[in-house]
Amino acid sequence: MIRHTVAFTLIHPAGSTEETGFMDEARALTVIPGVTRFEILKQVSPKCDFAYGISMEFANQAELDAYASHPLHTAFVEKCWIPNVSDFQEIDYTEL
């Protein structure tokens, strides 16, 4: 199992229509084959500068690779991610 995570901050204020639209677009990624346990998260710790997180799981590296190159994911990155995210950190985890 691989848990694909990204912590990020949007250029838009919390509660804005742009924030809502971005999150709706992100949720659409769940239709990509291999995506399981998809979550959109809101940061609550004062120790972290990122405002949000997205987490999802894949059975193996091949499924994660297929997700990364899937047309819906690449379109999301170009159309939504790049123009709306001001900063991010991506981390992929696997169990020890």
PDB file of N, CA and C in Angstrom:
ATOM      1  N   MET A   1       0.838  -1.176   0.000  1.00  0.00           N
ATOM      2  CA  MET A   1       0.000   0.000   0.000  1.00  0.00           C
ATOM      3  C   MET A   1       0.883   1.239   0.000  1.00  0.00           C
ATOM      4  N   ILE A   2       0.480   2.212  -0.794  1.00  0.00           N
ATOM      5  CA  ILE A   2       1.149   3.515  -0.822  1.00  0.00           C
ATOM      6  C   ILE A   2       0.114   4.581  -0.507  1.00  0.00           C
ATOM      7  N   ARG A   3       0.424   5.415   0.466  1.00  0.00           N
ATOM      8  CA  ARG A   3      -0.435   6.555   0.786  1.00  0.00           C
ATOM      9  C   ARG A   3       0.192   7.794   0.148  1.00  0.00           C
ATOM     10  N   HIS A   4      -0.520   8.352  -0.792  1.00  0.00           N
ATOM     11  CA  HIS A   4      -0.097   9.558  -1.520  1.00  0.00           C
ATOM     12  C   HIS A   4      -0.725  10.753  -0.820  1.00  0.00           C
ATOM     13  N   THR A   5       0.105  11.673  -0.330  1.00  0.00           N
ATOM     14  CA  THR A   5      -0.409  12.836   0.389  1.00  0.00           C
ATOM     15  C   THR A   5       0.184  14.112  -0.176  1.00  0.00           C
ATOM     16  N   VAL A   6      -0.584  15.168  -0.054  1.00  0.00           N
ATOM     17  CA  VAL A   6      -0.085  16.487  -0.404  1.00  0.00           C
ATOM     18  C   VAL A   6      -0.704  17.489   0.561  1.00  0.00           C
ATOM     19  N   ALA A   7       0.162  18.301   1.174  1.00  0.00           N
ATOM     20  CA  ALA A   7      -0.280  19.415   2.015  1.00  0.00           C
ATOM     21  C   ALA A   7      -0.116  20.664   1.161  1.00  0.00           C
ATOM     22  N   PHE A   8      -1.105  21.578   1.232  1.00  0.00           N
ATOM     23  CA  PHE A   8      -1.056  22.718   0.320  1.00  0.00           C
ATOM     24  C   PHE A   8      -1.811  23.921   0.857  1.00  0.00           C
ATOM     25  N   THR A   9      -1.573  25.041   0.231  1.00  0.00           N
ATOM     26  CA  THR A   9      -2.274  26.284   0.517  1.00  0.00           C
ATOM     27  C   THR A   9      -2.775  26.858  -0.792  1.00  0.00           C
ATOM     28  N   LEU A  10      -4.013  27.306  -0.790  1.00  0.00           N
ATOM     29  CA  LEU A  10      -4.597  27.930  -1.975  1.00  0.00           C
ATOM     30  C   LEU A  10      -4.319  29.433  -1.980  1.00  0.00           C
ATOM     31  N   ILE A  11      -4.397  30.040  -3.143  1.00  0.00           N
ATOM     32  CA  ILE A  11      -4.266  31.487  -3.247  1.00  0.00           C
ATOM     33  C   ILE A  11      -5.567  32.188  -2.852  1.00  0.00           C
ATOM     34  N   HIS A  12      -6.636  31.429  -2.691  1.00  0.00           N
ATOM     35  CA  HIS A  12      -7.963  31.968  -2.382  1.00  0.00           C
ATOM     36  C   HIS A  12      -8.254  31.861  -0.891  1.00  0.00           C
ATOM     37  N   PRO A  13      -9.072  32.759  -0.354  1.00  0.00           N
ATOM     38  CA  PRO A  13      -9.416  32.678   1.064  1.00  0.00           C
ATOM     39  C   PRO A  13     -10.334  31.495   1.379  1.00  0.00           C
ATOM     40  N   ALA A  14     -10.222  31.027   2.616  1.00  0.00           N
ATOM     41  CA  ALA A  14     -11.103  29.957   3.088  1.00  0.00           C
ATOM     42  C   ALA A  14     -12.552  30.417   2.991  1.00  0.00           C
ATOM     43  N   GLY A  15     -13.416  29.519   2.543  1.00  0.00           N
ATOM     44  CA  GLY A  15     -14.833  29.829   2.423  1.00  0.00           C
ATOM     45  C   GLY A  15     -15.226  30.494   1.117  1.00  0.00           C
ATOM     46  N   SER A  16     -14.259  30.768   0.270  1.00  0.00           N
ATOM     47  CA  SER A  16     -14.561  31.433  -1.007  1.00  0.00           C
ATOM     48  C   SER A  16     -15.149  30.447  -2.010  1.00  0.00           C
ATOM     49  N   THR A  17     -15.807  30.981  -3.020  1.00  0.00           N
ATOM     50  CA  THR A  17     -16.343  30.120  -4.078  1.00  0.00           C
ATOM     51  C   THR A  17     -15.209  29.443  -4.839  1.00  0.00           C
ATOM     52  N   GLU A  18     -14.066  30.099  -4.930  1.00  0.00           N
ATOM     53  CA  GLU A  18     -12.902  29.494  -5.600  1.00  0.00           C
ATOM     54  C   GLU A  18     -12.398  28.280  -4.815  1.00  0.00           C
ATOM     55  N   GLU A  19     -12.383  28.400  -3.491  1.00  0.00           N
ATOM     56  CA  GLU A  19     -11.976  27.267  -2.659  1.00  0.00           C
ATOM     57  C   GLU A  19     -12.934  26.093  -2.879  1.00  0.00           C
ATOM     58  N   THR A  20     -14.227  26.360  -2.844  1.00  0.00           N
ATOM     59  CA  THR A  20     -15.233  25.317  -3.039  1.00  0.00           C
ATOM     60  C   THR A  20     -15.074  24.659  -4.406  1.00  0.00           C
ATOM     61  N   GLY A  21     -14.885  25.458  -5.440  1.00  0.00           N
ATOM     62  CA  GLY A  21     -14.704  24.912  -6.779  1.00  0.00           C
ATOM     63  C   GLY A  21     -13.473  24.047  -6.888  1.00  0.00           C
ATOM     64  N   PHE A  22     -12.378  24.478  -6.278  1.00  0.00           N
ATOM     65  CA  PHE A  22     -11.142  23.695  -6.293  1.00  0.00           C
ATOM     66  C   PHE A  22     -11.365  22.343  -5.627  1.00  0.00           C
ATOM     67  N   MET A  23     -11.990  22.347  -4.458  1.00  0.00           N
ATOM     68  CA  MET A  23     -12.209  21.093  -3.731  1.00  0.00           C
ATOM     69  C   MET A  23     -13.137  20.162  -4.507  1.00  0.00           C
ATOM     70  N   ASP A  24     -14.137  20.708  -5.171  1.00  0.00           N
ATOM     71  CA  ASP A  24     -15.022  19.888  -6.010  1.00  0.00           C
ATOM     72  C   ASP A  24     -14.239  19.240  -7.144  1.00  0.00           C
ATOM     73  N   GLU A  25     -13.363  20.001  -7.768  1.00  0.00           N
ATOM     74  CA  GLU A  25     -12.523  19.453  -8.848  1.00  0.00           C
ATOM     75  C   GLU A  25     -11.604  18.359  -8.308  1.00  0.00           C
ATOM     76  N   ALA A  26     -11.049  18.572  -7.122  1.00  0.00           N
ATOM     77  CA  ALA A  26     -10.174  17.564  -6.522  1.00  0.00           C
ATOM     78  C   ALA A  26     -10.936  16.279  -6.230  1.00  0.00           C
ATOM     79  N   ARG A  27     -12.157  16.398  -5.731  1.00  0.00           N
ATOM     80  CA  ARG A  27     -12.969  15.208  -5.431  1.00  0.00           C
ATOM     81  C   ARG A  27     -13.243  14.371  -6.674  1.00  0.00           C
ATOM     82  N   ALA A  28     -13.263  14.999  -7.821  1.00  0.00           N
ATOM     83  CA  ALA A  28     -13.505  14.272  -9.072  1.00  0.00           C
ATOM     84  C   ALA A  28     -12.387  13.282  -9.390  1.00  0.00           C
ATOM     85  N   LEU A  29     -11.239  13.435  -8.747  1.00  0.00           N
ATOM     86  CA  LEU A  29     -10.122  12.509  -8.972  1.00  0.00           C
ATOM     87  C   LEU A  29     -10.421  11.104  -8.465  1.00  0.00           C
ATOM     88  N   THR A  30     -11.451  10.964  -7.642  1.00  0.00           N
ATOM     89  CA  THR A  30     -11.779   9.647  -7.077  1.00  0.00           C
ATOM     90  C   THR A  30     -12.232   8.643  -8.124  1.00  0.00           C
ATOM     91  N   VAL A  31     -12.611   9.115  -9.305  1.00  0.00           N
ATOM     92  CA  VAL A  31     -13.044   8.178 -10.357  1.00  0.00           C
ATOM     93  C   VAL A  31     -11.867   7.519 -11.071  1.00  0.00           C
ATOM     94  N   ILE A  32     -10.668   7.998 -10.832  1.00  0.00           N
ATOM     95  CA  ILE A  32      -9.491   7.411 -11.483  1.00  0.00           C
ATOM     96  C   ILE A  32      -9.245   6.028 -10.888  1.00  0.00           C
ATOM     97  N   PRO A  33      -9.071   5.010 -11.731  1.00  0.00           N
ATOM     98  CA  PRO A  33      -8.849   3.655 -11.228  1.00  0.00           C
ATOM     99  C   PRO A  33      -7.647   3.593 -10.279  1.00  0.00           C
ATOM    100  N   GLY A  34      -7.830   2.838  -9.197  1.00  0.00           N
ATOM    101  CA  GLY A  34      -6.759   2.631  -8.234  1.00  0.00           C
ATOM    102  C   GLY A  34      -6.841   3.523  -7.013  1.00  0.00           C
ATOM    103  N   VAL A  35      -7.562   4.644  -7.104  1.00  0.00           N
ATOM    104  CA  VAL A  35      -7.681   5.569  -5.977  1.00  0.00           C
ATOM    105  C   VAL A  35      -8.607   4.970  -4.917  1.00  0.00           C
ATOM    106  N   THR A  36      -8.106   4.848  -3.682  1.00  0.00           N
ATOM    107  CA  THR A  36      -8.927   4.410  -2.560  1.00  0.00           C
ATOM    108  C   THR A  36      -8.672   5.335  -1.377  1.00  0.00           C
ATOM    109  N   ARG A  37      -9.576   5.325  -0.443  1.00  0.00           N
ATOM    110  CA  ARG A  37      -9.473   6.096   0.807  1.00  0.00           C
ATOM    111  C   ARG A  37      -9.118   7.565   0.556  1.00  0.00           C
ATOM    112  N   PHE A  38      -9.790   8.168  -0.385  1.00  0.00           N
ATOM    113  CA  PHE A  38      -9.563   9.572  -0.741  1.00  0.00           C
ATOM    114  C   PHE A  38     -10.144  10.481   0.337  1.00  0.00           C
ATOM    115  N   GLU A  39      -9.342  11.451   0.786  1.00  0.00           N
ATOM    116  CA  GLU A  39      -9.799  12.417   1.783  1.00  0.00           C
ATOM    117  C   GLU A  39      -9.262  13.810   1.447  1.00  0.00           C
ATOM    118  N   ILE A  40     -10.091  14.808   1.664  1.00  0.00           N
ATOM    119  CA  ILE A  40      -9.647  16.199   1.653  1.00  0.00           C
ATOM    120  C   ILE A  40      -9.689  16.659   3.098  1.00  0.00           C
ATOM    121  N   LEU A  41      -8.597  17.237   3.555  1.00  0.00           N
ATOM    122  CA  LEU A  41      -8.430  17.555   4.963  1.00  0.00           C
ATOM    123  C   LEU A  41      -8.138  19.036   5.166  1.00  0.00           C
ATOM    124  N   LYS A  42      -8.566  19.562   6.299  1.00  0.00           N
ATOM    125  CA  LYS A  42      -8.282  20.946   6.672  1.00  0.00           C
ATOM    126  C   LYS A  42      -7.267  20.928   7.812  1.00  0.00           C
ATOM    127  N   GLN A  43      -6.220  21.692   7.665  1.00  0.00           N
ATOM    128  CA  GLN A  43      -5.154  21.780   8.666  1.00  0.00           C
ATOM    129  C   GLN A  43      -5.658  22.501   9.913  1.00  0.00           C
ATOM    130  N   VAL A  44      -5.356  21.962  11.094  1.00  0.00           N
ATOM    131  CA  VAL A  44      -5.777  22.598  12.346  1.00  0.00           C
ATOM    132  C   VAL A  44      -4.600  22.892  13.276  1.00  0.00           C
ATOM    133  N   SER A  45      -3.420  22.455  12.933  1.00  0.00           N
ATOM    134  CA  SER A  45      -2.263  22.682  13.798  1.00  0.00           C
ATOM    135  C   SER A  45      -1.632  24.043  13.533  1.00  0.00           C
ATOM    136  N   PRO A  46      -1.346  24.793  14.584  1.00  0.00           N
ATOM    137  CA  PRO A  46      -0.650  26.072  14.392  1.00  0.00           C
ATOM    138  C   PRO A  46       0.823  25.887  14.025  1.00  0.00           C
ATOM    139  N   LYS A  47       1.314  24.657  14.049  1.00  0.00           N
ATOM    140  CA  LYS A  47       2.710  24.365  13.735  1.00  0.00           C
ATOM    141  C   LYS A  47       2.961  24.219  12.237  1.00  0.00           C
ATOM    142  N   CYS A  48       1.912  24.226  11.444  1.00  0.00           N
ATOM    143  CA  CYS A  48       2.044  23.987  10.006  1.00  0.00           C
ATOM    144  C   CYS A  48       1.480  25.164   9.229  1.00  0.00           C
ATOM    145  N   ASP A  49       2.205  25.600   8.210  1.00  0.00           N
ATOM    146  CA  ASP A  49       1.771  26.724   7.393  1.00  0.00           C
ATOM    147  C   ASP A  49       0.805  26.334   6.276  1.00  0.00           C
ATOM    148  N   PHE A  50       0.698  25.044   5.970  1.00  0.00           N
ATOM    149  CA  PHE A  50      -0.224  24.608   4.931  1.00  0.00           C
ATOM    150  C   PHE A  50      -1.648  24.594   5.471  1.00  0.00           C
ATOM    151  N   ALA A  51      -2.607  24.913   4.614  1.00  0.00           N
ATOM    152  CA  ALA A  51      -4.002  25.024   5.043  1.00  0.00           C
ATOM    153  C   ALA A  51      -4.810  23.746   4.853  1.00  0.00           C
ATOM    154  N   TYR A  52      -4.442  22.917   3.869  1.00  0.00           N
ATOM    155  CA  TYR A  52      -5.249  21.756   3.489  1.00  0.00           C
ATOM    156  C   TYR A  52      -4.367  20.551   3.210  1.00  0.00           C
ATOM    157  N   GLY A  53      -5.013  19.411   3.125  1.00  0.00           N
ATOM    158  CA  GLY A  53      -4.322  18.196   2.720  1.00  0.00           C
ATOM    159  C   GLY A  53      -5.235  17.338   1.876  1.00  0.00           C
ATOM    160  N   ILE A  54      -4.632  16.574   1.002  1.00  0.00           N
ATOM    161  CA  ILE A  54      -5.337  15.531   0.260  1.00  0.00           C
ATOM    162  C   ILE A  54      -4.560  14.248   0.504  1.00  0.00           C
ATOM    163  N   SER A  55      -5.287  13.191   0.805  1.00  0.00           N
ATOM    164  CA  SER A  55      -4.682  11.894   1.050  1.00  0.00           C
ATOM    165  C   SER A  55      -5.461  10.844   0.281  1.00  0.00           C
ATOM    166  N   MET A  56      -4.745   9.902  -0.302  1.00  0.00           N
ATOM    167  CA  MET A  56      -5.381   8.779  -0.990  1.00  0.00           C
ATOM    168  C   MET A  56      -4.434   7.599  -0.951  1.00  0.00           C
ATOM    169  N   GLU A  57      -4.978   6.428  -1.148  1.00  0.00           N
ATOM    170  CA  GLU A  57      -4.147   5.224  -1.113  1.00  0.00           C
ATOM    171  C   GLU A  57      -4.232   4.468  -2.428  1.00  0.00           C
ATOM    172  N   PHE A  58      -3.128   3.771  -2.709  1.00  0.00           N
ATOM    173  CA  PHE A  58      -3.005   2.923  -3.896  1.00  0.00           C
ATOM    174  C   PHE A  58      -2.450   1.577  -3.462  1.00  0.00           C
ATOM    175  N   ALA A  59      -2.836   0.525  -4.141  1.00  0.00           N
ATOM    176  CA  ALA A  59      -2.392  -0.820  -3.793  1.00  0.00           C
ATOM    177  C   ALA A  59      -0.896  -1.005  -4.002  1.00  0.00           C
ATOM    178  N   ASN A  60      -0.335  -0.297  -5.006  1.00  0.00           N
ATOM    179  CA  ASN A  60       1.077  -0.502  -5.329  1.00  0.00           C
ATOM    180  C   ASN A  60       1.601   0.674  -6.169  1.00  0.00           C
ATOM    181  N   GLN A  61       2.881   0.643  -6.466  1.00  0.00           N
ATOM    182  CA  GLN A  61       3.512   1.717  -7.221  1.00  0.00           C
ATOM    183  C   GLN A  61       2.954   1.822  -8.637  1.00  0.00           C
ATOM    184  N   ALA A  62       2.621   0.705  -9.241  1.00  0.00           N
ATOM    185  CA  ALA A  62       2.078   0.735 -10.604  1.00  0.00           C
ATOM    186  C   ALA A  62       0.759   1.510 -10.651  1.00  0.00           C
ATOM    187  N   GLU A  63      -0.097   1.332  -9.637  1.00  0.00           N
ATOM    188  CA  GLU A  63      -1.358   2.080  -9.606  1.00  0.00           C
ATOM    189  C   GLU A  63      -1.127   3.567  -9.367  1.00  0.00           C
ATOM    190  N   LEU A  64      -0.165   3.904  -8.504  1.00  0.00           N
ATOM    191  CA  LEU A  64       0.167   5.313  -8.282  1.00  0.00           C
ATOM    192  C   LEU A  64       0.720   5.939  -9.560  1.00  0.00           C
ATOM    193  N   ASP A  65       1.576   5.229 -10.249  1.00  0.00           N
ATOM    194  CA  ASP A  65       2.135   5.733 -11.510  1.00  0.00           C
ATOM    195  C   ASP A  65       1.042   5.938 -12.557  1.00  0.00           C
ATOM    196  N   ALA A  66       0.104   4.998 -12.620  1.00  0.00           N
ATOM    197  CA  ALA A  66      -1.002   5.120 -13.580  1.00  0.00           C
ATOM    198  C   ALA A  66      -1.872   6.324 -13.236  1.00  0.00           C
ATOM    199  N   TYR A  67      -2.105   6.560 -11.957  1.00  0.00           N
ATOM    200  CA  TYR A  67      -2.858   7.740 -11.510  1.00  0.00           C
ATOM    201  C   TYR A  67      -2.141   9.022 -11.930  1.00  0.00           C
ATOM    202  N   ALA A  68      -0.847   9.077 -11.679  1.00  0.00           N
ATOM    203  CA  ALA A  68      -0.076  10.290 -11.970  1.00  0.00           C
ATOM    204  C   ALA A  68      -0.128  10.667 -13.447  1.00  0.00           C
ATOM    205  N   SER A  69      -0.213   9.684 -14.316  1.00  0.00           N
ATOM    206  CA  SER A  69      -0.231   9.967 -15.752  1.00  0.00           C
ATOM    207  C   SER A  69      -1.639   9.917 -16.360  1.00  0.00           C
ATOM    208  N   HIS A  70      -2.642   9.653 -15.540  1.00  0.00           N
ATOM    209  CA  HIS A  70      -4.016   9.564 -16.045  1.00  0.00           C
ATOM    210  C   HIS A  70      -4.456  10.937 -16.569  1.00  0.00           C
ATOM    211  N   PRO A  71      -5.170  10.973 -17.693  1.00  0.00           N
ATOM    212  CA  PRO A  71      -5.598  12.253 -18.279  1.00  0.00           C
ATOM    213  C   PRO A  71      -6.418  13.141 -17.342  1.00  0.00           C
ATOM    214  N   LEU A  72      -7.253  12.551 -16.484  1.00  0.00           N
ATOM    215  CA  LEU A  72      -8.023  13.373 -15.544  1.00  0.00           C
ATOM    216  C   LEU A  72      -7.108  14.044 -14.519  1.00  0.00           C
ATOM    217  N   HIS A  73      -6.076  13.327 -14.070  1.00  0.00           N
ATOM    218  CA  HIS A  73      -5.134  13.905 -13.102  1.00  0.00           C
ATOM    219  C   HIS A  73      -4.283  14.984 -13.763  1.00  0.00           C
ATOM    220  N   THR A  74      -3.761  14.715 -14.932  1.00  0.00           N
ATOM    221  CA  THR A  74      -2.912  15.726 -15.584  1.00  0.00           C
ATOM    222  C   THR A  74      -3.720  16.973 -15.939  1.00  0.00           C
ATOM    223  N   ALA A  75      -4.983  16.805 -16.307  1.00  0.00           N
ATOM    224  CA  ALA A  75      -5.846  17.961 -16.585  1.00  0.00           C
ATOM    225  C   ALA A  75      -6.111  18.748 -15.304  1.00  0.00           C
ATOM    226  N   PHE A  76      -6.341  18.044 -14.192  1.00  0.00           N
ATOM    227  CA  PHE A  76      -6.549  18.720 -12.913  1.00  0.00           C
ATOM    228  C   PHE A  76      -5.322  19.546 -12.532  1.00  0.00           C
ATOM    229  N   VAL A  77      -4.152  18.978 -12.694  1.00  0.00           N
ATOM    230  CA  VAL A  77      -2.921  19.698 -12.362  1.00  0.00           C
ATOM    231  C   VAL A  77      -2.813  20.974 -13.190  1.00  0.00           C
ATOM    232  N   GLU A  78      -3.030  20.867 -14.481  1.00  0.00           N
ATOM    233  CA  GLU A  78      -2.900  22.034 -15.365  1.00  0.00           C
ATOM    234  C   GLU A  78      -4.004  23.067 -15.145  1.00  0.00           C
ATOM    235  N   LYS A  79      -5.242  22.601 -15.038  1.00  0.00           N
ATOM    236  CA  LYS A  79      -6.403  23.495 -14.977  1.00  0.00           C
ATOM    237  C   LYS A  79      -6.648  24.064 -13.579  1.00  0.00           C
ATOM    238  N   CYS A  80      -6.420  23.247 -12.547  1.00  0.00           N
ATOM    239  CA  CYS A  80      -6.793  23.652 -11.189  1.00  0.00           C
ATOM    240  C   CYS A  80      -5.602  23.850 -10.254  1.00  0.00           C
ATOM    241  N   TRP A  81      -4.707  22.882 -10.232  1.00  0.00           N
ATOM    242  CA  TRP A  81      -3.620  22.917  -9.259  1.00  0.00           C
ATOM    243  C   TRP A  81      -2.673  24.095  -9.497  1.00  0.00           C
ATOM    244  N   ILE A  82      -2.085  24.149 -10.659  1.00  0.00           N
ATOM    245  CA  ILE A  82      -1.073  25.177 -10.942  1.00  0.00           C
ATOM    246  C   ILE A  82      -1.607  26.595 -10.747  1.00  0.00           C
ATOM    247  N   PRO A  83      -2.798  26.924 -11.257  1.00  0.00           N
ATOM    248  CA  PRO A  83      -3.245  28.309 -11.089  1.00  0.00           C
ATOM    249  C   PRO A  83      -3.809  28.656  -9.698  1.00  0.00           C
ATOM    250  N   ASN A  84      -4.052  27.678  -8.838  1.00  0.00           N
ATOM    251  CA  ASN A  84      -4.728  27.945  -7.568  1.00  0.00           C
ATOM    252  C   ASN A  84      -3.939  27.636  -6.306  1.00  0.00           C
ATOM    253  N   VAL A  85      -2.845  26.886  -6.421  1.00  0.00           N
ATOM    254  CA  VAL A  85      -2.071  26.479  -5.247  1.00  0.00           C
ATOM    255  C   VAL A  85      -0.830  27.353  -5.138  1.00  0.00           C
ATOM    256  N   SER A  86      -0.661  27.959  -3.961  1.00  0.00           N
ATOM    257  CA  SER A  86       0.491  28.841  -3.769  1.00  0.00           C
ATOM    258  C   SER A  86       1.716  28.111  -3.241  1.00  0.00           C
ATOM    259  N   ASP A  87       1.520  27.021  -2.506  1.00  0.00           N
ATOM    260  CA  ASP A  87       2.641  26.265  -1.950  1.00  0.00           C
ATOM    261  C   ASP A  87       2.153  24.864  -1.605  1.00  0.00           C
ATOM    262  N   PHE A  88       3.051  23.884  -1.694  1.00  0.00           N
ATOM    263  CA  PHE A  88       2.655  22.517  -1.356  1.00  0.00           C
ATOM    264  C   PHE A  88       3.856  21.660  -1.018  1.00  0.00           C
ATOM    265  N   GLN A  89       3.573  20.539  -0.380  1.00  0.00           N
ATOM    266  CA  GLN A  89       4.564  19.500  -0.085  1.00  0.00           C
ATOM    267  C   GLN A  89       3.903  18.166  -0.350  1.00  0.00           C
ATOM    268  N   GLU A  90       4.488  17.380  -1.231  1.00  0.00           N
ATOM    269  CA  GLU A  90       3.947  16.065  -1.577  1.00  0.00           C
ATOM    270  C   GLU A  90       4.803  14.992  -0.923  1.00  0.00           C
ATOM    271  N   ILE A  91       4.137  14.015  -0.301  1.00  0.00           N
ATOM    272  CA  ILE A  91       4.845  12.902   0.333  1.00  0.00           C
ATOM    273  C   ILE A  91       4.088  11.616   0.042  1.00  0.00           C
ATOM    274  N   ASP A  92       4.814  10.595  -0.354  1.00  0.00           N
ATOM    275  CA  ASP A  92       4.239   9.267  -0.555  1.00  0.00           C
ATOM    276  C   ASP A  92       4.827   8.334   0.506  1.00  0.00           C
ATOM    277  N   TYR A  93       3.944   7.653   1.222  1.00  0.00           N
ATOM    278  CA  TYR A  93       4.347   6.767   2.289  1.00  0.00           C
ATOM    279  C   TYR A  93       4.008   5.323   1.952  1.00  0.00           C
ATOM    280  N   THR A  94       4.798   4.413   2.496  1.00  0.00           N
ATOM    281  CA  THR A  94       4.461   2.998   2.476  1.00  0.00           C
ATOM    282  C   THR A  94       4.703   2.460   3.877  1.00  0.00           C
ATOM    283  N   GLU A  95       4.029   1.397   4.212  1.00  0.00           N
ATOM    284  CA  GLU A  95       4.177   0.809   5.548  1.00  0.00           C
ATOM    285  C   GLU A  95       5.539   0.157   5.703  1.00  0.00           C
ATOM    286  N   LEU A  96       6.057   0.212   6.914  1.00  0.00           N
ATOM    287  CA  LEU A  96       7.319  -0.460   7.214  1.00  0.00           C
ATOM    288  C   LEU A  96       7.076  -1.918   7.515  1.00  0.00           C
TER     289      LEU A  96
END
